[in-house]
Amino acid sequence: MLGKGEAHAITDKDVSALATRLGVHPADLEAIAEVESNGFGWFKDGRIKILFEKHWFYKLLSGAQRDRAVREGLARKNWISPSNGGYKDQSNADARYRLLTKAMAINEEMALQSISMGRFQIMGFNYALCGFISAKQMWTKFLHSEVYQLEAFANFLTKKNLIAAVKNRDFDTVEEVYNGGGLNGAYARKMKTASDKLRAGKWANWQPDKPVSAPQPVPPPVLPKEPEPAPVAAPEPAQAKTGIITLIAIAASSIAAYFGWGS
């Protein structure tokens, strides 16, 4: 089924580790996800959460493909706010996936670039900022695990220079950059409310993770030394002298026998 994958979830430990790494509070990171996706990246049926942006599909297409998308109600030149009915045909998961399926039949990559996806609702056209080679790859990785979604989120905040805004709880800037403006502070207020609740609740006693020291190298084992070979004792002088006299006597006897001396 389109939108379903292994869907491995992240844990609070993962969020804490990212907060420590970025130098921010985990409640402020989670507040963004709370507003974007109610803090969970999947619909009840297991499909990844998406929202199709028709004005982006219009921008990314051209020529005959754009004309077809407009005819099929998939693309329009301007963004229309939710209060003005801009998303009235995306009231549930099935409706959103019907739009995506039709858009992918026109241009798969541009369709995936035109949706926000996952726990942090990052737009597909941000794939390069998030560390992927295409929106299709980003989509595939997001379906596999929220770990990829979390790392993409970290890359997005970093590349968009939003770390300081998150650290200072400047949610107006977060809304403007993250959501592209046009919401008149509505998302910023929701983010602050969510952050306050999280700071007073599950993250009330949070402390940055302690740095993990690098493991010390294990020294090589000390092997016992091989015993030194025992030195060969030099012959005593008396023994050496006796040996020489014996050799001379044997040699003299052999010579005498050869010439017949002493017969």
C-alpha atoms as a PDB file:
ATOM      1  CA  MET A   1       0.000   0.000   0.000  1.00  0.00           C
ATOM      2  CA  LEU A   2       1.303   3.462  -0.896  1.00  0.00           C
ATOM      3  CA  GLY A   3       2.670   5.166   2.209  1.00  0.00           C
ATOM      4  CA  LYS A   4       3.324   2.059   4.265  1.00  0.00           C
ATOM      5  CA  GLY A   5       6.766   0.876   5.333  1.00  0.00           C
ATOM      6  CA  GLU A   6       8.477  -0.687   8.320  1.00  0.00           C
ATOM      7  CA  ALA A   7       7.696   2.480  10.291  1.00  0.00           C
ATOM      8  CA  HIS A   8      10.238   2.109  13.096  1.00  0.00           C
ATOM      9  CA  ALA A   9       9.566   4.714  15.793  1.00  0.00           C
ATOM     10  CA  ILE A  10      12.037   6.929  17.627  1.00  0.00           C
ATOM     11  CA  THR A  11      12.183   7.135  21.422  1.00  0.00           C
ATOM     12  CA  ASP A  12      12.491   9.938  23.965  1.00  0.00           C
ATOM     13  CA  LYS A  13      16.134   8.942  24.256  1.00  0.00           C
ATOM     14  CA  ASP A  14      16.622   9.763  20.568  1.00  0.00           C
ATOM     15  CA  VAL A  15      15.005  13.177  21.005  1.00  0.00           C
ATOM     16  CA  SER A  16      17.119  13.875  24.094  1.00  0.00           C
ATOM     17  CA  ALA A  17      20.298  12.947  22.238  1.00  0.00           C
ATOM     18  CA  LEU A  18      19.420  15.305  19.380  1.00  0.00           C
ATOM     19  CA  ALA A  19      18.581  18.132  21.794  1.00  0.00           C
ATOM     20  CA  THR A  20      21.951  17.684  23.483  1.00  0.00           C
ATOM     21  CA  ARG A  21      23.719  17.659  20.137  1.00  0.00           C
ATOM     22  CA  LEU A  22      22.006  20.839  18.926  1.00  0.00           C
ATOM     23  CA  GLY A  23      22.194  22.624  22.282  1.00  0.00           C
ATOM     24  CA  VAL A  24      18.427  23.063  22.585  1.00  0.00           C
ATOM     25  CA  HIS A  25      15.657  21.773  24.850  1.00  0.00           C
ATOM     26  CA  PRO A  26      13.847  18.593  23.753  1.00  0.00           C
ATOM     27  CA  ALA A  27      10.483  20.143  24.641  1.00  0.00           C
ATOM     28  CA  ASP A  28      11.027  22.789  21.987  1.00  0.00           C
ATOM     29  CA  LEU A  29      11.907  20.181  19.371  1.00  0.00           C
ATOM     30  CA  GLU A  30       8.880  18.117  20.269  1.00  0.00           C
ATOM     31  CA  ALA A  31       6.648  21.183  20.227  1.00  0.00           C
ATOM     32  CA  ILE A  32       7.301  21.552  16.508  1.00  0.00           C
ATOM     33  CA  ALA A  33       6.282  17.943  15.922  1.00  0.00           C
ATOM     34  CA  GLU A  34       3.193  18.386  18.120  1.00  0.00           C
ATOM     35  CA  VAL A  35       1.961  21.232  15.939  1.00  0.00           C
ATOM     36  CA  GLU A  36       2.992  19.654  12.641  1.00  0.00           C
ATOM     37  CA  SER A  37       1.713  16.110  13.156  1.00  0.00           C
ATOM     38  CA  ASN A  38       0.265  15.846  16.671  1.00  0.00           C
ATOM     39  CA  GLY A  39       3.615  14.307  17.595  1.00  0.00           C
ATOM     40  CA  PHE A  40       3.190  11.148  15.548  1.00  0.00           C
ATOM     41  CA  GLY A  41       4.281  10.569  11.962  1.00  0.00           C
ATOM     42  CA  TRP A  42       1.726   7.935  10.933  1.00  0.00           C
ATOM     43  CA  PHE A  43      -1.988   7.741  10.272  1.00  0.00           C
ATOM     44  CA  LYS A  44      -3.945   5.141  12.241  1.00  0.00           C
ATOM     45  CA  ASP A  45      -3.779   2.683   9.337  1.00  0.00           C
ATOM     46  CA  GLY A  46       0.044   2.810   9.331  1.00  0.00           C
ATOM     47  CA  ARG A  47       0.517   5.080   6.331  1.00  0.00           C
ATOM     48  CA  ILE A  48       2.916   7.978   6.770  1.00  0.00           C
ATOM     49  CA  LYS A  49       1.250  11.334   7.392  1.00  0.00           C
ATOM     50  CA  ILE A  50       1.235  13.621   4.360  1.00  0.00           C
ATOM     51  CA  LEU A  51      -0.326  16.850   3.167  1.00  0.00           C
ATOM     52  CA  PHE A  52      -0.389  17.649  -0.547  1.00  0.00           C
ATOM     53  CA  GLU A  53       0.476  21.223  -1.540  1.00  0.00           C
ATOM     54  CA  LYS A  54      -1.145  22.076  -4.865  1.00  0.00           C
ATOM     55  CA  HIS A  55       0.642  25.407  -5.281  1.00  0.00           C
ATOM     56  CA  TRP A  56       3.995  23.618  -5.039  1.00  0.00           C
ATOM     57  CA  PHE A  57       2.969  21.024  -7.601  1.00  0.00           C
ATOM     58  CA  TYR A  58       2.109  23.934  -9.902  1.00  0.00           C
ATOM     59  CA  LYS A  59       5.534  25.572  -9.336  1.00  0.00           C
ATOM     60  CA  LEU A  60       7.454  22.355  -9.916  1.00  0.00           C
ATOM     61  CA  LEU A  61       5.696  21.361 -13.133  1.00  0.00           C
ATOM     62  CA  SER A  62       5.667  23.013 -16.542  1.00  0.00           C
ATOM     63  CA  GLY A  63       4.114  22.621 -19.945  1.00  0.00           C
ATOM     64  CA  ALA A  64       1.719  19.785 -20.602  1.00  0.00           C
ATOM     65  CA  GLN A  65       2.234  18.224 -17.176  1.00  0.00           C
ATOM     66  CA  ARG A  66       1.238  21.441 -15.414  1.00  0.00           C
ATOM     67  CA  ASP A  67      -1.793  21.855 -17.671  1.00  0.00           C
ATOM     68  CA  ARG A  68      -2.925  18.322 -16.910  1.00  0.00           C
ATOM     69  CA  ALA A  69      -2.448  18.811 -13.163  1.00  0.00           C
ATOM     70  CA  VAL A  70      -4.532  21.983 -13.228  1.00  0.00           C
ATOM     71  CA  ARG A  71      -7.309  20.247 -15.196  1.00  0.00           C
ATOM     72  CA  GLU A  72      -7.366  17.393 -12.670  1.00  0.00           C
ATOM     73  CA  GLY A  73      -7.542  19.757  -9.697  1.00  0.00           C
ATOM     74  CA  LEU A  74      -4.048  18.891  -8.486  1.00  0.00           C
ATOM     75  CA  ALA A  75      -2.287  22.195  -9.093  1.00  0.00           C
ATOM     76  CA  ARG A  76      -3.030  25.882  -8.709  1.00  0.00           C
ATOM     77  CA  LYS A  77      -0.914  28.979  -8.913  1.00  0.00           C
ATOM     78  CA  ASN A  78      -1.546  30.379  -5.435  1.00  0.00           C
ATOM     79  CA  TRP A  79      -1.666  28.955  -1.936  1.00  0.00           C
ATOM     80  CA  ILE A  80      -5.073  29.025  -0.246  1.00  0.00           C
ATOM     81  CA  SER A  81      -5.228  28.970   3.544  1.00  0.00           C
ATOM     82  CA  PRO A  82      -7.123  26.271   5.442  1.00  0.00           C
ATOM     83  CA  SER A  83      -9.614  28.862   6.696  1.00  0.00           C
ATOM     84  CA  ASN A  84     -10.463  29.682   3.086  1.00  0.00           C
ATOM     85  CA  GLY A  85     -10.936  26.051   2.111  1.00  0.00           C
ATOM     86  CA  GLY A  86      -7.507  25.403   0.689  1.00  0.00           C
ATOM     87  CA  TYR A  87      -7.442  21.849   2.038  1.00  0.00           C
ATOM     88  CA  LYS A  88     -11.117  20.951   2.007  1.00  0.00           C
ATOM     89  CA  ASP A  89     -10.426  17.960  -0.232  1.00  0.00           C
ATOM     90  CA  GLN A  90      -7.803  16.588   2.199  1.00  0.00           C
ATOM     91  CA  SER A  91      -9.951  15.996   5.268  1.00  0.00           C
ATOM     92  CA  ASN A  92      -8.620  12.462   5.895  1.00  0.00           C
ATOM     93  CA  ALA A  93      -5.837  10.059   4.995  1.00  0.00           C
ATOM     94  CA  ASP A  94      -7.673   8.459   2.083  1.00  0.00           C
ATOM     95  CA  ALA A  95      -8.406  11.822   0.475  1.00  0.00           C
ATOM     96  CA  ARG A  96      -4.775  12.898   0.769  1.00  0.00           C
ATOM     97  CA  TYR A  97      -3.493   9.683  -0.722  1.00  0.00           C
ATOM     98  CA  ARG A  98      -5.952   9.903  -3.603  1.00  0.00           C
ATOM     99  CA  LEU A  99      -4.443  13.259  -4.531  1.00  0.00           C
ATOM    100  CA  LEU A 100      -0.899  11.951  -4.181  1.00  0.00           C
ATOM    101  CA  THR A 101      -1.633   8.867  -6.295  1.00  0.00           C
ATOM    102  CA  LYS A 102      -3.083  11.005  -9.108  1.00  0.00           C
ATOM    103  CA  ALA A 103      -0.171  13.433  -8.900  1.00  0.00           C
ATOM    104  CA  MET A 104       2.398  10.607  -9.031  1.00  0.00           C
ATOM    105  CA  ALA A 105       0.778   9.397 -12.255  1.00  0.00           C
ATOM    106  CA  ILE A 106       1.770  12.730 -13.795  1.00  0.00           C
ATOM    107  CA  ASN A 107       5.255  13.086 -12.288  1.00  0.00           C
ATOM    108  CA  GLU A 108       6.318  10.904  -9.361  1.00  0.00           C
ATOM    109  CA  GLU A 109       9.318  12.919  -8.208  1.00  0.00           C
ATOM    110  CA  MET A 110       7.531  16.278  -8.392  1.00  0.00           C
ATOM    111  CA  ALA A 111       4.508  14.822  -6.608  1.00  0.00           C
ATOM    112  CA  LEU A 112       6.725  13.675  -3.732  1.00  0.00           C
ATOM    113  CA  GLN A 113       8.428  17.061  -3.660  1.00  0.00           C
ATOM    114  CA  SER A 114       4.976  18.630  -3.258  1.00  0.00           C
ATOM    115  CA  ILE A 115       4.017  16.911   0.007  1.00  0.00           C
ATOM    116  CA  SER A 116       4.962  17.430   3.619  1.00  0.00           C
ATOM    117  CA  MET A 117       5.673  14.092   5.220  1.00  0.00           C
ATOM    118  CA  GLY A 118       6.292  12.339   8.493  1.00  0.00           C
ATOM    119  CA  ARG A 119       6.526  13.354  12.120  1.00  0.00           C
ATOM    120  CA  PHE A 120       8.016  16.752  11.340  1.00  0.00           C
ATOM    121  CA  GLN A 121       6.052  17.373   8.110  1.00  0.00           C
ATOM    122  CA  ILE A 122       9.080  18.378   6.057  1.00  0.00           C
ATOM    123  CA  MET A 123       8.325  19.254   2.454  1.00  0.00           C
ATOM    124  CA  GLY A 124       9.750  16.853  -0.099  1.00  0.00           C
ATOM    125  CA  PHE A 125      11.455  19.604  -2.097  1.00  0.00           C
ATOM    126  CA  ASN A 126      13.811  20.015   0.887  1.00  0.00           C
ATOM    127  CA  TYR A 127      15.322  16.594   0.207  1.00  0.00           C
ATOM    128  CA  ALA A 128      18.833  17.928  -0.497  1.00  0.00           C
ATOM    129  CA  LEU A 129      18.885  20.055   2.673  1.00  0.00           C
ATOM    130  CA  CYS A 130      17.882  16.971   4.598  1.00  0.00           C
ATOM    131  CA  GLY A 131      20.695  14.828   3.175  1.00  0.00           C
ATOM    132  CA  PHE A 132      18.975  12.858   0.386  1.00  0.00           C
ATOM    133  CA  ILE A 133      19.543  12.658  -3.362  1.00  0.00           C
ATOM    134  CA  SER A 134      15.854  12.924  -4.274  1.00  0.00           C
ATOM    135  CA  ALA A 135      12.407  13.279  -2.781  1.00  0.00           C
ATOM    136  CA  LYS A 136      11.829   9.636  -3.709  1.00  0.00           C
ATOM    137  CA  GLN A 137      14.788   8.539  -1.575  1.00  0.00           C
ATOM    138  CA  MET A 138      13.652  10.763   1.285  1.00  0.00           C
ATOM    139  CA  TRP A 139      10.156   9.257   1.041  1.00  0.00           C
ATOM    140  CA  THR A 140      11.508   5.703   1.060  1.00  0.00           C
ATOM    141  CA  LYS A 141      13.748   6.322   4.077  1.00  0.00           C
ATOM    142  CA  PHE A 142      10.967   8.100   5.964  1.00  0.00           C
ATOM    143  CA  LEU A 143       8.697   5.096   5.450  1.00  0.00           C
ATOM    144  CA  HIS A 144      11.351   2.841   6.915  1.00  0.00           C
ATOM    145  CA  SER A 145      12.058   4.674  10.162  1.00  0.00           C
ATOM    146  CA  GLU A 146      11.456   7.843  12.146  1.00  0.00           C
ATOM    147  CA  VAL A 147      15.194   7.802  12.811  1.00  0.00           C
ATOM    148  CA  TYR A 148      15.660   9.114   9.256  1.00  0.00           C
ATOM    149  CA  GLN A 149      12.919  11.656   9.880  1.00  0.00           C
ATOM    150  CA  LEU A 150      14.659  12.878  13.032  1.00  0.00           C
ATOM    151  CA  GLU A 151      18.026  13.226  11.291  1.00  0.00           C
ATOM    152  CA  ALA A 152      16.381  15.038   8.368  1.00  0.00           C
ATOM    153  CA  PHE A 153      14.767  17.380  10.889  1.00  0.00           C
ATOM    154  CA  ALA A 154      18.171  18.099  12.452  1.00  0.00           C
ATOM    155  CA  ASN A 155      19.680  18.806   9.034  1.00  0.00           C
ATOM    156  CA  PHE A 156      16.764  21.055   8.095  1.00  0.00           C
ATOM    157  CA  LEU A 157      17.039  23.133  11.280  1.00  0.00           C
ATOM    158  CA  THR A 158      20.786  23.447  10.793  1.00  0.00           C
ATOM    159  CA  LYS A 159      20.723  24.363   7.090  1.00  0.00           C
ATOM    160  CA  LYS A 160      17.865  26.827   7.621  1.00  0.00           C
ATOM    161  CA  ASN A 161      19.724  28.512  10.509  1.00  0.00           C
ATOM    162  CA  LEU A 162      16.891  27.766  12.924  1.00  0.00           C
ATOM    163  CA  ILE A 163      18.939  26.369  15.810  1.00  0.00           C
ATOM    164  CA  ALA A 164      19.217  29.753  17.537  1.00  0.00           C
ATOM    165  CA  ALA A 165      15.489  30.395  17.107  1.00  0.00           C
ATOM    166  CA  VAL A 166      14.631  27.047  18.687  1.00  0.00           C
ATOM    167  CA  LYS A 167      17.132  27.611  21.502  1.00  0.00           C
ATOM    168  CA  ASN A 168      15.646  31.051  22.232  1.00  0.00           C
ATOM    169  CA  ARG A 169      12.082  29.771  21.820  1.00  0.00           C
ATOM    170  CA  ASP A 170      11.545  32.269  19.022  1.00  0.00           C
ATOM    171  CA  PHE A 171       8.614  30.380  17.564  1.00  0.00           C
ATOM    172  CA  ASP A 172       7.602  33.287  15.312  1.00  0.00           C
ATOM    173  CA  THR A 173      10.834  32.801  13.368  1.00  0.00           C
ATOM    174  CA  VAL A 174      10.352  29.046  13.398  1.00  0.00           C
ATOM    175  CA  GLU A 175       6.862  29.468  11.932  1.00  0.00           C
ATOM    176  CA  GLU A 176       8.046  31.916   9.272  1.00  0.00           C
ATOM    177  CA  VAL A 177      10.922  29.736   8.071  1.00  0.00           C
ATOM    178  CA  TYR A 178       9.503  26.285   8.763  1.00  0.00           C
ATOM    179  CA  ASN A 179       6.008  26.946   7.483  1.00  0.00           C
ATOM    180  CA  GLY A 180       6.703  29.653   4.941  1.00  0.00           C
ATOM    181  CA  GLY A 181       4.684  32.353   6.674  1.00  0.00           C
ATOM    182  CA  GLY A 182       1.067  33.159   5.988  1.00  0.00           C
ATOM    183  CA  LEU A 183      -0.263  31.798   9.284  1.00  0.00           C
ATOM    184  CA  ASN A 184      -0.070  35.103  11.210  1.00  0.00           C
ATOM    185  CA  GLY A 185       1.542  33.574  14.269  1.00  0.00           C
ATOM    186  CA  ALA A 186      -1.053  30.824  14.751  1.00  0.00           C
ATOM    187  CA  TYR A 187       1.554  28.051  14.598  1.00  0.00           C
ATOM    188  CA  ALA A 188       3.977  30.017  16.765  1.00  0.00           C
ATOM    189  CA  ARG A 189       1.416  30.323  19.538  1.00  0.00           C
ATOM    190  CA  LYS A 190       0.588  26.629  19.318  1.00  0.00           C
ATOM    191  CA  MET A 191       4.286  25.727  19.467  1.00  0.00           C
ATOM    192  CA  LYS A 192       4.855  27.828  22.570  1.00  0.00           C
ATOM    193  CA  THR A 193       1.814  26.319  24.282  1.00  0.00           C
ATOM    194  CA  ALA A 194       3.000  22.817  23.441  1.00  0.00           C
ATOM    195  CA  SER A 195       6.533  23.616  24.593  1.00  0.00           C
ATOM    196  CA  ASP A 196       5.330  25.031  27.920  1.00  0.00           C
ATOM    197  CA  LYS A 197       3.284  21.899  28.545  1.00  0.00           C
ATOM    198  CA  LEU A 198       6.155  19.576  27.660  1.00  0.00           C
ATOM    199  CA  ARG A 199       8.636  21.534  29.789  1.00  0.00           C
ATOM    200  CA  ALA A 200       6.298  21.275  32.767  1.00  0.00           C
ATOM    201  CA  GLY A 201       5.487  17.645  32.044  1.00  0.00           C
ATOM    202  CA  LYS A 202       7.633  14.823  30.759  1.00  0.00           C
ATOM    203  CA  TRP A 203      10.723  16.978  30.158  1.00  0.00           C
ATOM    204  CA  ALA A 204      10.497  18.834  33.512  1.00  0.00           C
ATOM    205  CA  ASN A 205      13.708  17.351  34.914  1.00  0.00           C
ATOM    206  CA  TRP A 206      15.618  17.023  31.676  1.00  0.00           C
ATOM    207  CA  GLN A 207      19.362  17.519  31.691  1.00  0.00           C
ATOM    208  CA  PRO A 208      21.605  17.354  28.623  1.00  0.00           C
ATOM    209  CA  ASP A 209      23.058  13.935  28.047  1.00  0.00           C
ATOM    210  CA  LYS A 210      26.520  13.404  29.436  1.00  0.00           C
ATOM    211  CA  PRO A 211      29.141  13.138  26.737  1.00  0.00           C
ATOM    212  CA  VAL A 212      30.259   9.610  26.149  1.00  0.00           C
ATOM    213  CA  SER A 213      34.034   9.350  26.535  1.00  0.00           C
ATOM    214  CA  ALA A 214      35.901   7.471  23.879  1.00  0.00           C
ATOM    215  CA  PRO A 215      36.784   3.946  24.946  1.00  0.00           C
ATOM    216  CA  GLN A 216      40.402   3.536  26.035  1.00  0.00           C
ATOM    217  CA  PRO A 217      42.474   1.187  23.904  1.00  0.00           C
ATOM    218  CA  VAL A 218      43.044  -2.190  25.492  1.00  0.00           C
ATOM    219  CA  PRO A 219      46.778  -2.734  26.072  1.00  0.00           C
ATOM    220  CA  PRO A 220      48.254  -5.835  24.491  1.00  0.00           C
ATOM    221  CA  PRO A 221      48.722  -8.763  26.873  1.00  0.00           C
ATOM    222  CA  VAL A 222      52.107  -9.083  28.537  1.00  0.00           C
ATOM    223  CA  LEU A 223      53.547 -12.389  27.426  1.00  0.00           C
ATOM    224  CA  PRO A 224      56.076 -14.264  29.635  1.00  0.00           C
ATOM    225  CA  LYS A 225      59.631 -14.024  28.382  1.00  0.00           C
ATOM    226  CA  GLU A 226      61.170 -17.064  26.823  1.00  0.00           C
ATOM    227  CA  PRO A 227      63.866 -18.510  29.138  1.00  0.00           C
ATOM    228  CA  GLU A 228      67.373 -17.616  28.099  1.00  0.00           C
ATOM    229  CA  PRO A 229      69.341 -20.672  26.826  1.00  0.00           C
ATOM    230  CA  ALA A 230      71.848 -21.917  29.370  1.00  0.00           C
ATOM    231  CA  PRO A 231      75.408 -20.902  28.421  1.00  0.00           C
ATOM    232  CA  VAL A 232      77.717 -23.691  27.364  1.00  0.00           C
ATOM    233  CA  ALA A 233      80.482 -23.896  29.907  1.00  0.00           C
ATOM    234  CA  ALA A 234      83.970 -23.602  28.519  1.00  0.00           C
ATOM    235  CA  PRO A 235      86.096 -26.673  29.233  1.00  0.00           C
ATOM    236  CA  GLU A 236      88.305 -26.451  32.248  1.00  0.00           C
ATOM    237  CA  PRO A 237      91.997 -25.878  31.355  1.00  0.00           C
ATOM    238  CA  ALA A 238      93.021 -29.235  32.781  1.00  0.00           C
ATOM    239  CA  GLN A 239      90.402 -31.048  30.731  1.00  0.00           C
ATOM    240  CA  ALA A 240      91.488 -29.239  27.590  1.00  0.00           C
ATOM    241  CA  LYS A 241      95.135 -30.133  28.191  1.00  0.00           C
ATOM    242  CA  THR A 242      94.299 -33.828  28.743  1.00  0.00           C
ATOM    243  CA  GLY A 243      92.331 -33.908  25.534  1.00  0.00           C
ATOM    244  CA  ILE A 244      95.203 -32.486  23.475  1.00  0.00           C
ATOM    245  CA  ILE A 245      97.748 -34.980  24.933  1.00  0.00           C
ATOM    246  CA  THR A 246      95.417 -37.876  24.128  1.00  0.00           C
ATOM    247  CA  LEU A 247      95.073 -36.739  20.476  1.00  0.00           C
ATOM    248  CA  ILE A 248      98.877 -36.425  20.117  1.00  0.00           C
ATOM    249  CA  ALA A 249      99.386 -39.931  21.533  1.00  0.00           C
ATOM    250  CA  ILE A 250      96.858 -41.438  19.141  1.00  0.00           C
ATOM    251  CA  ALA A 251      98.449 -39.681  16.184  1.00  0.00           C
ATOM    252  CA  ALA A 252     102.003 -40.828  17.194  1.00  0.00           C
ATOM    253  CA  SER A 253     100.862 -44.419  17.581  1.00  0.00           C
ATOM    254  CA  SER A 254      99.305 -44.363  14.106  1.00  0.00           C
ATOM    255  CA  ILE A 255     102.513 -43.017  12.532  1.00  0.00           C
ATOM    256  CA  ALA A 256     104.690 -45.601  14.269  1.00  0.00           C
ATOM    257  CA  ALA A 257     102.503 -48.433  13.140  1.00  0.00           C
ATOM    258  CA  TYR A 258     102.602 -47.176   9.530  1.00  0.00           C
ATOM    259  CA  PHE A 259     106.451 -47.116   9.354  1.00  0.00           C
ATOM    260  CA  GLY A 260     106.944 -50.221  11.443  1.00  0.00           C
ATOM    261  CA  TRP A 261     108.700 -48.500  14.214  1.00  0.00           C
ATOM    262  CA  GLY A 262     109.103 -50.424  17.357  1.00  0.00           C
ATOM    263  CA  SER A 263     108.688 -53.849  15.585  1.00  0.00           C
END
